[in-house]
């Protein structure tokens, strides 16, 4: 994704623009800690990634699919999610967000969409949620220099912006952001001369700011967290690397270099002398300031190195917080063949408010220690009293011990008697054991006989089963024969009936044939009587046949 002027892209734009954009996200840490946060119009996701360092869950949305794809490829955290969506229609349920952040977005859309956006913000925010929004101050950003940003559709003057936000939120706290000697964010409604004189001497509260940041809520923000902060821009500090050759660290054996700081990150490089005889190594990042450092990398050209300890007061969110103006890290590792070392990471300065909190915590801790000491002294007196009581109890126990010794003697006599009785019982036990052995032998014999009887019984049972099977087979054969006999009887009856019927039919046929034969003879006789001899010769032969 390339920088066009519409969206800030880390790595492609540096200097004031980078500081302005990253500073806004860094100053709202207290508002987003352990919250569900939406970064509306997140661009390539750099700000959403910063939010995710402190939030419970961070969502980033942008109307550009290219921007969302870039964000997904660049930033990966378990509590970080990017979505392609417009500020006109936020893809979240009602009252689902604790905080909605939208820096340098609202001026990029027209007035109609601006109102839709704030309506959506109000819908998605929880009732006590916060809307943190920034925009350029039109008077300083556009009017005075006569500049027109081609990507801006509707810019605001400071009071106009506040009135617009007031139509949606009852409570609106306004902050200004500008470059002076430092990039600073301060509360417009609560600026004191003391703040400017002590922190930035040439800053005037009437100076017009380039950008405006507003924190909005429907409910009163009590207590109101302060986002006033300063980023030191492009400063350098002296950094020292101390070498111990066996006699401890000293100013005589140290390497000095320049620590370069851009307001967020730092880097410092050291060219090393011959390290063969070095016994220990210590790095003092800088001197004369209270700082907090988050080490990113220690780069050694030959070997390995790690931080073994530091004089930081405590560690918070990955940062070593130093309440001394002489911060230091002790190092260990295989560095004897190295010729160059570099330290990279993030850095900030401990504010007077943080120092005050640390001092108050220290005082409170001291008071707690004092209270604990008083309790310990009281406990000591109680322990002494307990010790006296224990000594008295010890004397009583010694007296009771004497009585116990005498009682033990009597018990010993009883014990001897018991031993004698035990011997008698042991003898009786042996006799009983022998009898039991005999009974066991008899029992074994009975068991063996029982097993033999059981085997015989099983054999007889098997034979009975075979006899029963043979009986069943014979019964089955008998039933078959009976069935065959019955079938034969039925067939004989049928054949006898058929024979009788045939016999009757044969008698009837014979009688019929005899009658026909007689009729035929009579006919022949009649023929023979009426015709000549030659003509009747064949009939005479036929009559003889008949």
Protein backbone atom coordinates (compact mmCIF):
# COMPACT_ATOMS: atom_id res chain seq x y z
CA UNK A 1 0.00 0.00 0.00
CA UNK A 2 1.51 3.33 -1.10
CA UNK A 3 1.28 6.70 0.64
CA UNK A 4 -1.00 9.12 -1.28
CA UNK A 5 -1.61 11.78 1.35
CA UNK A 6 -5.00 10.39 2.34
CA UNK A 7 -3.72 7.97 4.98
CA UNK A 8 -0.56 8.02 7.10
CA UNK A 9 1.57 4.90 6.47
CA UNK A 10 4.48 4.16 8.86
CA UNK A 11 7.78 3.52 7.08
CA UNK A 12 6.79 5.66 4.09
CA UNK A 13 6.37 8.96 5.97
CA UNK A 14 8.60 10.14 8.83
CA UNK A 15 9.17 13.32 10.82
CA UNK A 16 6.41 15.51 12.25
CA UNK A 17 3.57 13.63 10.57
CA UNK A 18 4.64 10.33 12.11
CA UNK A 19 4.97 11.89 15.57
CA UNK A 20 1.59 13.64 15.30
CA UNK A 21 -0.21 10.44 14.34
CA UNK A 22 1.47 8.03 16.77
CA UNK A 23 1.35 10.52 19.68
CA UNK A 24 -2.46 10.59 19.59
CA UNK A 25 -2.69 6.84 20.11
CA UNK A 26 0.01 6.78 22.78
CA UNK A 27 -1.66 9.44 24.95
CA UNK A 28 -4.99 7.60 25.40
CA UNK A 29 -3.56 4.51 27.11
CA UNK A 30 -5.41 5.09 30.40
CA UNK A 31 -8.76 5.33 28.63
CA UNK A 32 -8.46 2.07 26.66
CA UNK A 33 -6.74 -0.20 29.17
CA UNK A 34 -8.57 -3.55 29.40
CA UNK A 35 -11.42 -2.19 27.25
CA UNK A 36 -13.14 -3.31 24.04
CA UNK A 37 -12.04 -0.63 21.56
CA UNK A 38 -12.96 0.22 17.97
CA UNK A 39 -10.53 2.21 15.78
CA UNK A 40 -12.79 3.69 13.08
CA UNK A 41 -10.99 4.39 9.77
CA UNK A 42 -7.84 2.60 10.92
CA UNK A 43 -5.87 2.87 7.67
CA UNK A 44 -3.06 0.31 7.54
CA UNK A 45 -3.70 -0.56 11.23
CA UNK A 46 -0.66 1.02 12.94
CA UNK A 47 -2.87 2.78 15.52
CA UNK A 48 -5.08 -0.24 16.15
CA UNK A 49 -1.91 -2.22 16.83
CA UNK A 50 -0.84 0.38 19.43
CA UNK A 51 -4.33 0.18 21.00
CA UNK A 52 -4.11 -3.63 21.17
CA UNK A 53 -1.05 -3.34 23.46
CA UNK A 54 -3.36 -2.11 26.24
CA UNK A 55 -6.95 -2.99 25.23
CA UNK A 56 -8.80 -6.21 26.01
CA UNK A 57 -9.92 -6.37 22.37
CA UNK A 58 -9.12 -4.01 19.49
CA UNK A 59 -11.14 -3.80 16.26
CA UNK A 60 -9.99 -1.77 13.25
CA UNK A 61 -12.31 -0.90 10.37
CA UNK A 62 -11.65 0.95 7.11
CA UNK A 63 -13.64 1.49 3.92
CA UNK A 64 -10.56 0.56 1.86
CA UNK A 65 -10.14 -3.18 1.32
CA UNK A 66 -6.50 -2.56 0.38
CA UNK A 67 -5.89 -0.86 3.72
CA UNK A 68 -7.52 -3.76 5.61
CA UNK A 69 -5.50 -6.35 3.66
CA UNK A 70 -2.31 -4.41 4.48
CA UNK A 71 -3.26 -4.23 8.18
CA UNK A 72 -3.96 -7.97 8.35
CA UNK A 73 -0.57 -8.73 6.78
CA UNK A 74 1.42 -6.31 8.99
CA UNK A 75 -0.07 -6.71 12.47
CA UNK A 76 -0.84 -9.98 14.27
CA UNK A 77 -2.08 -10.15 17.86
CA UNK A 78 -4.63 -12.45 19.47
CA UNK A 79 -6.78 -9.49 20.58
CA UNK A 80 -6.57 -7.67 17.23
CA UNK A 81 -9.11 -7.90 14.38
CA UNK A 82 -9.54 -5.89 11.15
CA UNK A 83 -12.78 -5.54 9.13
CA UNK A 84 -13.70 -3.86 5.86
CA UNK A 85 -16.54 -1.45 6.72
CA UNK A 86 -17.74 2.17 6.44
CA UNK A 87 -18.22 4.62 9.32
CA UNK A 88 -21.78 5.11 8.00
CA UNK A 89 -22.71 1.59 9.12
CA UNK A 90 -20.59 0.12 11.91
CA UNK A 91 -20.73 -3.71 11.80
CA UNK A 92 -21.28 -4.16 15.55
CA UNK A 93 -24.16 -4.77 17.94
CA UNK A 94 -25.76 -2.01 19.99
CA UNK A 95 -23.85 -1.05 23.18
CA UNK A 96 -20.97 -3.40 22.35
CA UNK A 97 -17.94 -1.03 22.60
CA UNK A 98 -16.30 0.56 25.64
CA UNK A 99 -14.32 3.08 23.56
CA UNK A 100 -14.46 4.22 19.93
CA UNK A 101 -11.40 6.01 18.57
CA UNK A 102 -11.37 7.93 15.28
CA UNK A 103 -8.37 10.16 14.58
CA UNK A 104 -8.29 12.42 11.51
CA UNK A 105 -11.37 10.77 9.94
CA UNK A 106 -14.41 12.98 10.31
CA UNK A 107 -13.08 15.74 7.99
CA UNK A 108 -12.75 13.18 5.16
CA UNK A 109 -16.55 12.77 4.77
CA UNK A 110 -19.37 15.20 4.05
CA UNK A 111 -21.69 16.70 6.63
CA UNK A 112 -24.43 14.11 6.04
CA UNK A 113 -22.08 11.18 6.62
CA UNK A 114 -20.57 12.97 9.65
CA UNK A 115 -23.98 12.92 11.32
CA UNK A 116 -24.60 9.32 10.34
CA UNK A 117 -21.19 8.43 11.75
CA UNK A 118 -21.91 10.00 15.15
CA UNK A 119 -25.36 8.35 15.25
CA UNK A 120 -23.65 4.99 14.67
CA UNK A 121 -21.03 5.79 17.32
CA UNK A 122 -23.77 6.57 19.83
CA UNK A 123 -25.58 3.33 18.95
CA UNK A 124 -22.54 1.06 19.25
CA UNK A 125 -21.08 2.69 22.40
CA UNK A 126 -22.07 1.43 25.82
CA UNK A 127 -23.99 3.99 27.89
CA UNK A 128 -20.86 4.95 29.84
CA UNK A 129 -18.56 4.50 26.83
CA UNK A 130 -16.15 7.08 25.40
CA UNK A 131 -15.74 8.54 21.92
CA UNK A 132 -12.21 9.86 21.31
CA UNK A 133 -12.00 11.84 18.08
CA UNK A 134 -9.55 14.27 16.47
CA UNK A 135 -9.68 16.70 13.53
CA UNK A 136 -7.54 19.55 12.14
CA UNK A 137 -8.28 23.07 13.41
CA UNK A 138 -9.52 24.67 10.18
CA UNK A 139 -8.25 28.14 11.17
CA UNK A 140 -4.66 26.95 11.58
CA UNK A 141 -4.62 24.00 9.19
CA UNK A 142 -6.32 25.61 6.17
CA UNK A 143 -7.24 29.31 6.60
CA UNK A 144 -3.96 30.84 7.78
CA UNK A 145 -1.66 29.05 5.28
CA UNK A 146 -4.30 29.17 2.51
CA UNK A 147 -4.05 25.38 2.13
CA UNK A 148 -6.65 23.01 0.74
CA UNK A 149 -6.37 19.27 1.42
CA UNK A 150 -7.94 17.49 -1.54
CA UNK A 151 -9.08 14.59 0.68
CA UNK A 152 -10.96 16.79 3.21
CA UNK A 153 -14.68 17.41 2.60
CA UNK A 154 -15.85 19.17 5.79
CA UNK A 155 -13.36 20.69 8.28
CA UNK A 156 -14.21 22.31 11.63
CA UNK A 157 -13.24 25.34 13.66
CA UNK A 158 -12.59 24.48 17.34
CA UNK A 159 -15.86 25.85 18.79
CA UNK A 160 -17.82 24.55 15.81
CA UNK A 161 -16.40 21.07 16.40
CA UNK A 162 -17.25 21.21 20.11
CA UNK A 163 -20.84 22.35 19.38
CA UNK A 164 -21.24 19.56 16.81
CA UNK A 165 -20.10 16.93 19.32
CA UNK A 166 -22.37 18.42 22.01
CA UNK A 167 -25.42 17.58 19.89
CA UNK A 168 -24.64 13.89 20.49
CA UNK A 169 -22.76 13.85 23.81
CA UNK A 170 -23.47 15.71 27.04
CA UNK A 171 -19.83 15.79 28.15
CA UNK A 172 -17.01 16.87 25.80
CA UNK A 173 -13.41 17.48 26.94
CA UNK A 174 -11.28 19.32 24.37
CA UNK A 175 -7.51 19.02 23.88
CA UNK A 176 -5.14 20.79 21.53
CA UNK A 177 -2.21 19.23 19.68
CA UNK A 178 0.60 21.20 18.10
CA UNK A 179 4.35 21.38 17.55
CA UNK A 180 6.27 23.83 19.67
CA UNK A 181 9.56 22.81 21.12
CA UNK A 182 7.83 19.49 21.75
CA UNK A 183 4.78 17.82 20.25
CA UNK A 184 2.24 18.36 23.05
CA UNK A 185 -1.36 17.51 23.85
CA UNK A 186 -3.05 19.65 26.51
CA UNK A 187 -6.54 20.28 27.84
CA UNK A 188 -7.99 23.42 26.21
CA UNK A 189 -10.54 23.96 28.97
CA UNK A 190 -8.11 23.54 31.86
CA UNK A 191 -4.77 25.17 30.94
CA UNK A 192 -2.73 26.84 33.70
CA UNK A 193 0.15 29.29 33.37
CA UNK A 194 2.06 27.19 35.83
CA UNK A 195 1.92 24.23 33.43
CA UNK A 196 3.37 26.25 30.54
CA UNK A 197 6.02 28.10 32.57
CA UNK A 198 7.30 24.90 34.18
CA UNK A 199 7.11 22.53 31.21
CA UNK A 200 7.43 24.60 28.05
CA UNK A 201 8.59 28.10 28.76
CA UNK A 202 7.89 29.66 25.35
CA UNK A 203 4.42 28.08 24.98
CA UNK A 204 1.49 30.49 25.26
CA UNK A 205 -1.99 29.18 26.03
CA UNK A 206 -3.40 31.58 23.42
CA UNK A 207 -1.32 29.91 20.70
CA UNK A 208 -3.57 28.33 18.09
CA UNK A 209 -3.26 24.55 17.87
CA UNK A 210 -3.03 22.62 14.60
CA UNK A 211 -5.24 19.74 15.72
CA UNK A 212 -8.09 19.24 18.18
CA UNK A 213 -8.78 16.07 20.18
CA UNK A 214 -12.11 15.55 21.95
CA UNK A 215 -13.11 12.94 24.54
CA UNK A 216 -16.90 12.57 24.57
CA UNK A 217 -19.31 10.77 26.86
CA UNK A 218 -23.00 10.63 27.65
CA UNK A 219 -22.19 10.31 31.35
CA UNK A 220 -19.87 12.42 33.47
CA UNK A 221 -16.25 11.26 33.31
CA UNK A 222 -15.30 11.07 36.96
CA UNK A 223 -12.44 11.10 37.56
CA UNK A 224 -11.33 12.58 34.24
CA UNK A 225 -8.07 10.93 33.13
CA UNK A 226 -5.50 13.37 31.81
CA UNK A 227 -4.07 12.79 28.34
CA UNK A 228 -1.77 15.84 28.51
CA UNK A 229 1.60 14.59 27.32
CA UNK A 230 4.80 15.62 25.61
CA UNK A 231 6.91 13.78 23.05
CA UNK A 232 10.56 14.78 22.77
CA UNK A 233 11.28 14.94 19.05
CA UNK A 234 14.53 13.89 17.41
CA UNK A 235 16.72 14.36 20.48
CA UNK A 236 20.09 12.81 21.23
CA UNK A 237 21.56 11.74 24.56
CA UNK A 238 24.92 10.48 25.76
CA UNK A 239 24.93 6.75 26.44
CA UNK A 240 27.75 4.80 28.15
CA UNK A 241 28.96 1.22 28.04
CA UNK A 242 31.12 0.26 31.06
CA UNK A 243 33.73 -2.53 30.91
CA UNK A 244 34.92 -4.41 33.99
CA UNK A 245 38.41 -5.95 33.61
CA UNK A 246 38.33 -7.51 37.08
CA UNK A 247 38.46 -4.43 39.34
CA UNK A 248 34.83 -3.30 39.00
CA UNK A 249 33.25 -0.66 36.75
CA UNK A 250 34.95 2.73 36.53
CA UNK A 251 34.90 5.90 34.45
CA UNK A 252 38.32 4.92 33.12
CA UNK A 253 36.97 1.94 31.25
CA UNK A 254 33.86 3.04 29.41
CA UNK A 255 32.78 3.59 25.79
CA UNK A 256 30.62 6.64 25.00
CA UNK A 257 28.13 6.93 22.13
CA UNK A 258 25.09 8.95 21.06
CA UNK A 259 21.61 7.60 21.78
CA UNK A 260 19.26 8.77 19.01
CA UNK A 261 15.61 9.25 20.03
CA UNK A 262 12.63 10.22 17.84
CA UNK A 263 10.06 10.54 20.60
CA UNK A 264 9.06 6.89 20.54
CA UNK A 265 12.02 4.71 19.58
CA UNK A 266 15.74 4.87 20.24
CA UNK A 267 18.92 3.35 18.87
CA UNK A 268 22.52 3.51 20.07
CA UNK A 269 25.65 1.88 18.57
CA UNK A 270 28.96 1.20 20.30
CA UNK A 271 32.31 0.34 18.70
CA UNK A 272 33.98 -2.07 21.12
CA UNK A 273 37.67 -2.28 22.09
CA UNK A 274 39.43 -5.61 22.59
CA UNK A 275 36.96 -7.60 24.73
CA UNK A 276 39.15 -10.63 25.47
CA UNK A 277 39.87 -9.65 29.11
CA UNK A 278 36.47 -8.13 29.93
CA UNK A 279 34.87 -9.83 32.95
CA UNK A 280 31.55 -7.95 33.04
CA UNK A 281 29.58 -5.44 30.99
CA UNK A 282 27.15 -2.66 31.99
CA UNK A 283 25.08 -0.32 29.81
CA UNK A 284 23.90 3.06 31.12
CA UNK A 285 21.29 4.21 28.53
CA UNK A 286 21.40 7.91 29.51
CA UNK A 287 21.94 10.14 32.53
CA UNK A 288 20.17 13.01 34.22
CA UNK A 289 16.56 12.03 33.47
CA UNK A 290 13.93 9.67 34.80
CA UNK A 291 13.09 7.31 31.97
CA UNK A 292 11.32 4.11 31.05
CA UNK A 293 12.82 1.76 28.47
CA UNK A 294 11.46 -1.22 26.56
CA UNK A 295 14.38 -3.09 25.04
CA UNK A 296 13.58 -4.44 21.60
CA UNK A 297 16.88 -5.90 20.41
CA UNK A 298 20.51 -6.12 21.49
CA UNK A 299 22.52 -6.68 18.32
CA UNK A 300 26.03 -8.14 18.63
CA UNK A 301 28.16 -8.69 15.55
CA UNK A 302 29.80 -11.79 17.03
CA UNK A 303 28.34 -13.74 19.93
CA UNK A 304 25.22 -13.55 22.11
CA UNK A 305 24.23 -11.25 24.94
CA UNK A 306 21.35 -10.86 27.38
CA UNK A 307 20.26 -8.51 30.17
CA UNK A 308 20.96 -10.15 33.52
CA UNK A 309 19.67 -7.36 35.81
CA UNK A 310 18.88 -3.66 36.05
CA UNK A 311 18.30 -0.98 38.69
CA UNK A 312 14.77 -0.24 37.44
CA UNK A 313 12.19 0.40 40.15
CA UNK A 314 9.71 -1.91 38.47
CA UNK A 315 8.61 -3.28 35.12
CA UNK A 316 5.26 -2.32 33.60
CA UNK A 317 3.84 -3.42 30.24
CA UNK A 318 7.31 -4.41 29.03
CA UNK A 319 8.96 -1.11 30.09
CA UNK A 320 11.70 -0.92 32.73
CA UNK A 321 10.71 2.16 34.79
CA UNK A 322 13.73 3.92 36.34
CA UNK A 323 13.25 6.30 39.28
CA UNK A 324 16.95 7.10 39.34
CA UNK A 325 18.76 9.53 37.03
CA UNK A 326 21.46 6.93 36.48
CA UNK A 327 19.66 3.97 34.88
CA UNK A 328 21.75 0.90 34.11
CA UNK A 329 21.57 -2.65 32.76
CA UNK A 330 24.05 -5.42 33.59
CA UNK A 331 24.76 -7.74 30.64
CA UNK A 332 26.00 -11.29 30.29
CA UNK A 333 26.80 -13.61 27.42
CA UNK A 334 29.47 -14.56 24.88
CA UNK A 335 30.77 -11.15 23.77
CA UNK A 336 34.57 -11.55 23.94
CA UNK A 337 35.01 -11.69 20.16
CA UNK A 338 32.54 -8.87 19.40
CA UNK A 339 33.59 -5.55 17.85
CA UNK A 340 30.25 -3.78 17.72
CA UNK A 341 27.04 -3.73 19.78
CA UNK A 342 23.73 -1.90 19.24
CA UNK A 343 20.69 -1.37 21.46
CA UNK A 344 17.25 -0.70 19.96
CA UNK A 345 13.84 -0.25 21.55
CA UNK A 346 11.19 2.14 22.78
CA UNK A 347 11.71 4.85 25.35
CA UNK A 348 9.72 7.42 27.28
CA UNK A 349 10.26 9.81 30.13
CA UNK A 350 8.75 9.43 33.56
CA UNK A 351 6.44 12.37 34.12
CA UNK A 352 6.22 14.40 37.30
CA UNK A 353 2.78 12.86 37.87
CA UNK A 354 4.24 9.35 37.62
CA UNK A 355 7.14 10.30 39.88
CA UNK A 356 4.69 11.76 42.36
CA UNK A 357 2.72 8.51 42.27
CA UNK A 358 5.93 6.54 42.78
CA UNK A 359 6.92 8.76 45.73
CA UNK A 360 3.45 8.42 47.24
CA UNK A 361 3.61 4.67 46.74
CA UNK A 362 7.07 4.63 48.32
CA UNK A 363 5.79 6.64 51.29
CA UNK A 364 2.80 4.34 51.56
CA UNK A 365 5.11 1.34 51.33
CA UNK A 366 7.33 2.88 54.03
CA UNK A 367 4.30 3.46 56.23
CA UNK A 368 3.21 -0.09 55.57
CA UNK A 369 6.69 -1.33 56.52
CA UNK A 370 6.55 0.77 59.69
CA UNK A 371 3.17 -0.70 60.53
CA UNK A 372 4.52 -4.17 59.83
CA UNK A 373 7.54 -3.49 62.09
CA UNK A 374 5.23 -2.36 64.87
CA UNK A 375 3.22 -5.51 64.42
CA UNK A 376 6.44 -7.55 64.44
CA UNK A 377 7.55 -5.91 67.71
CA UNK A 378 4.16 -6.68 69.21
CA UNK A 379 4.46 -10.22 67.93
CA UNK A 380 7.96 -10.42 69.46
CA UNK A 381 6.57 -9.51 72.90
CA UNK A 382 3.86 -12.07 72.42
CA UNK A 383 6.52 -14.60 71.46
CA UNK A 384 8.52 -13.80 74.63
CA UNK A 385 5.41 -14.34 76.73
CA UNK A 386 4.77 -17.54 74.82
CA UNK A 387 8.39 -18.59 75.53
CA UNK A 388 7.88 -18.12 79.29
CA UNK A 389 4.68 -20.09 79.10
CA UNK A 390 6.49 -22.81 77.16
CA UNK A 391 9.25 -23.01 79.85
CA UNK A 392 6.65 -23.43 82.57
CA UNK A 393 4.93 -26.07 80.50
CA UNK A 394 8.34 -27.73 80.01
CA UNK A 395 8.82 -28.06 83.80
CA UNK A 396 5.38 -29.57 84.13
CA UNK A 397 6.17 -31.97 81.33
CA UNK A 398 9.46 -33.01 83.03
CA UNK A 399 7.55 -33.85 86.21
CA UNK A 400 5.06 -35.79 84.19
CA UNK A 401 7.99 -37.55 82.47
CA UNK A 402 9.22 -38.90 85.83
CA UNK A 403 5.77 -40.24 86.55
CA UNK A 404 5.72 -41.71 83.06
CA UNK A 405 9.07 -43.50 83.69
CA UNK A 406 7.69 -45.21 86.78
CA UNK A 407 4.55 -46.09 84.89
CA UNK A 408 6.75 -47.47 82.16
CA UNK A 409 8.47 -49.82 84.62
CA UNK A 410 5.13 -51.24 85.64
CA UNK A 411 4.17 -51.55 82.03
CA UNK A 412 7.41 -53.42 81.38
CA UNK A 413 6.47 -56.00 84.02
CA UNK A 414 3.07 -56.39 82.41
CA UNK A 415 4.87 -56.67 79.09
CA UNK A 416 7.01 -59.59 80.34
CA UNK A 417 3.89 -61.39 81.49
CA UNK A 418 2.32 -60.78 78.13
CA UNK A 419 5.43 -62.20 76.44
CA UNK A 420 5.10 -65.43 78.45
CA UNK A 421 1.43 -65.68 77.58
CA UNK A 422 2.37 -64.99 74.02
CA UNK A 423 4.77 -68.00 74.02
CA UNK A 424 1.93 -70.27 75.26
CA UNK A 425 -0.40 -68.85 72.68
CA UNK A 426 2.27 -69.37 70.04
CA UNK A 427 2.55 -73.05 70.97
CA UNK A 428 -1.22 -73.44 70.82
CA UNK A 429 -1.20 -71.66 67.53
CA UNK A 430 1.37 -74.13 66.14
CA UNK A 431 -0.80 -77.10 67.18
CA UNK A 432 -3.86 -75.51 65.64
CA UNK A 433 -1.87 -74.87 62.47
CA UNK A 434 -0.90 -78.56 62.25
CA UNK A 435 -4.55 -79.61 62.68
CA UNK A 436 -5.54 -77.13 60.04
CA UNK A 437 -2.93 -78.62 57.70
CA UNK A 438 -4.45 -82.07 58.22
CA UNK A 439 -7.91 -80.73 57.59
CA UNK A 440 -6.59 -79.06 54.48
CA UNK A 441 -5.19 -82.39 53.21
CA UNK A 442 -8.58 -84.06 53.85
CA UNK A 443 -10.28 -81.20 52.20
CA UNK A 444 -8.01 -81.59 49.16
CA UNK A 445 -8.90 -85.28 48.96
CA UNK A 446 -12.59 -84.47 49.17
CA UNK A 447 -12.09 -81.92 46.44
CA UNK A 448 -10.30 -84.44 44.22
CA UNK A 449 -13.08 -87.03 44.79
CA UNK A 450 -15.66 -84.40 44.02
CA UNK A 451 -13.83 -83.60 40.81
CA UNK A 452 -13.79 -87.31 39.83
CA UNK A 453 -17.51 -87.63 40.58
CA UNK A 454 -18.15 -84.53 38.57
CA UNK A 455 -16.18 -86.01 35.65
CA UNK A 456 -18.20 -89.26 35.85
CA UNK A 457 -21.40 -87.33 36.05
CA UNK A 458 -20.38 -85.35 32.96
CA UNK A 459 -19.59 -88.60 31.06
CA UNK A 460 -22.98 -90.13 32.03
CA UNK A 461 -24.67 -86.90 31.07
CA UNK A 462 -22.97 -86.99 27.67
CA UNK A 463 -24.09 -90.62 27.13
CA UNK A 464 -27.65 -89.76 28.11
CA UNK A 465 -27.55 -86.91 25.65
CA UNK A 466 -26.40 -89.32 22.88
CA UNK A 467 -29.17 -91.84 23.80
CA UNK A 468 -31.68 -89.01 23.72
CA UNK A 469 -30.35 -87.96 20.32
CA UNK A 470 -30.63 -91.56 18.97
CA UNK A 471 -34.14 -91.87 20.43
CA UNK A 472 -35.10 -88.64 18.74
CA UNK A 473 -33.65 -89.94 15.45
CA UNK A 474 -35.63 -93.24 15.73
CA UNK A 475 -38.82 -91.35 16.55
CA UNK A 476 -38.19 -89.17 13.53
CA UNK A 477 -37.60 -92.27 11.30
CA UNK A 478 -40.73 -93.94 12.71
CA UNK A 479 -42.75 -90.84 11.93
CA UNK A 480 -41.36 -90.87 8.40
CA UNK A 481 -42.25 -94.55 7.90
CA UNK A 482 -45.74 -93.98 9.27
CA UNK A 483 -46.14 -91.08 6.86
CA UNK A 484 -44.90 -93.23 3.96
CA UNK A 485 -47.28 -96.05 5.00
CA UNK A 486 -50.20 -93.69 5.11
CA UNK A 487 -49.27 -92.33 1.69
CA UNK A 488 -49.05 -95.90 0.26
CA UNK A 489 -52.44 -96.77 1.75
CA UNK A 490 -54.00 -93.73 0.19
CA UNK A 491 -52.41 -94.59 -3.17
CA UNK A 492 -53.70 -98.21 -2.91
CA UNK A 493 -57.20 -96.99 -2.18
CA UNK A 494 -57.01 -94.67 -5.15
CA UNK A 495 -55.72 -97.48 -7.44
CA UNK A 496 -58.41 -99.89 -6.16
CA UNK A 497 -61.07 -97.28 -6.87
CA UNK A 498 -59.63 -96.74 -10.35
CA UNK A 499 -59.53 -100.54 -10.93
CA UNK A 500 -63.18 -100.93 -9.98
CA UNK A 501 -64.12 -98.03 -12.21
CA UNK A 502 -62.11 -99.54 -15.12
CA UNK A 503 -63.62 -102.96 -14.50
CA UNK A 504 -67.13 -101.54 -14.67
CA UNK A 505 -66.28 -99.62 -17.77
CA UNK A 506 -64.77 -102.82 -19.34
CA UNK A 507 -67.96 -104.84 -18.67
CA UNK A 508 -70.08 -102.09 -20.17
CA UNK A 509 -67.80 -101.95 -23.22
CA UNK A 510 -67.89 -105.72 -23.69
CA UNK A 511 -71.65 -105.76 -23.51
CA UNK A 512 -71.81 -102.93 -25.99
CA UNK A 513 -69.40 -104.73 -28.36
CA UNK A 514 -71.41 -107.96 -28.18
CA UNK A 515 -74.56 -106.09 -29.09
CA UNK A 516 -72.84 -104.38 -31.97
CA UNK A 517 -71.41 -107.69 -33.18
CA UNK A 518 -74.87 -109.28 -33.18
CA UNK A 519 -76.23 -106.32 -35.08
CA UNK A 520 -73.39 -106.68 -37.60
CA UNK A 521 -74.02 -110.43 -38.03
CA UNK A 522 -77.67 -109.79 -38.64
CA UNK A 523 -76.77 -107.20 -41.23
CA UNK A 524 -74.38 -109.64 -43.00
CA UNK A 525 -76.94 -112.41 -42.95
CA UNK A 526 -79.36 -110.09 -44.61
CA UNK A 527 -76.76 -109.13 -47.24
CA UNK A 528 -75.75 -112.69 -47.87
CA UNK A 529 -79.35 -113.78 -48.33
CA UNK A 530 -80.15 -111.13 -50.93
CA UNK A 531 -77.00 -110.96 -53.16
CA UNK A 532 -75.15 -113.26 -55.55
CA UNK A 533 -72.37 -115.52 -54.42
CA UNK A 534 -69.55 -113.56 -55.93
CA UNK A 535 -70.70 -110.32 -54.54
CA UNK A 536 -71.11 -111.67 -51.06
CA UNK A 537 -67.84 -113.61 -50.95
CA UNK A 538 -65.96 -110.88 -49.02
CA UNK A 539 -68.81 -110.57 -46.57
CA UNK A 540 -68.75 -114.29 -45.97
CA UNK A 541 -65.06 -114.12 -45.00
CA UNK A 542 -65.79 -111.23 -42.65
CA UNK A 543 -68.65 -113.18 -41.09
CA UNK A 544 -66.33 -116.12 -40.56
CA UNK A 545 -63.89 -113.73 -38.85
CA UNK A 546 -66.64 -112.53 -36.62
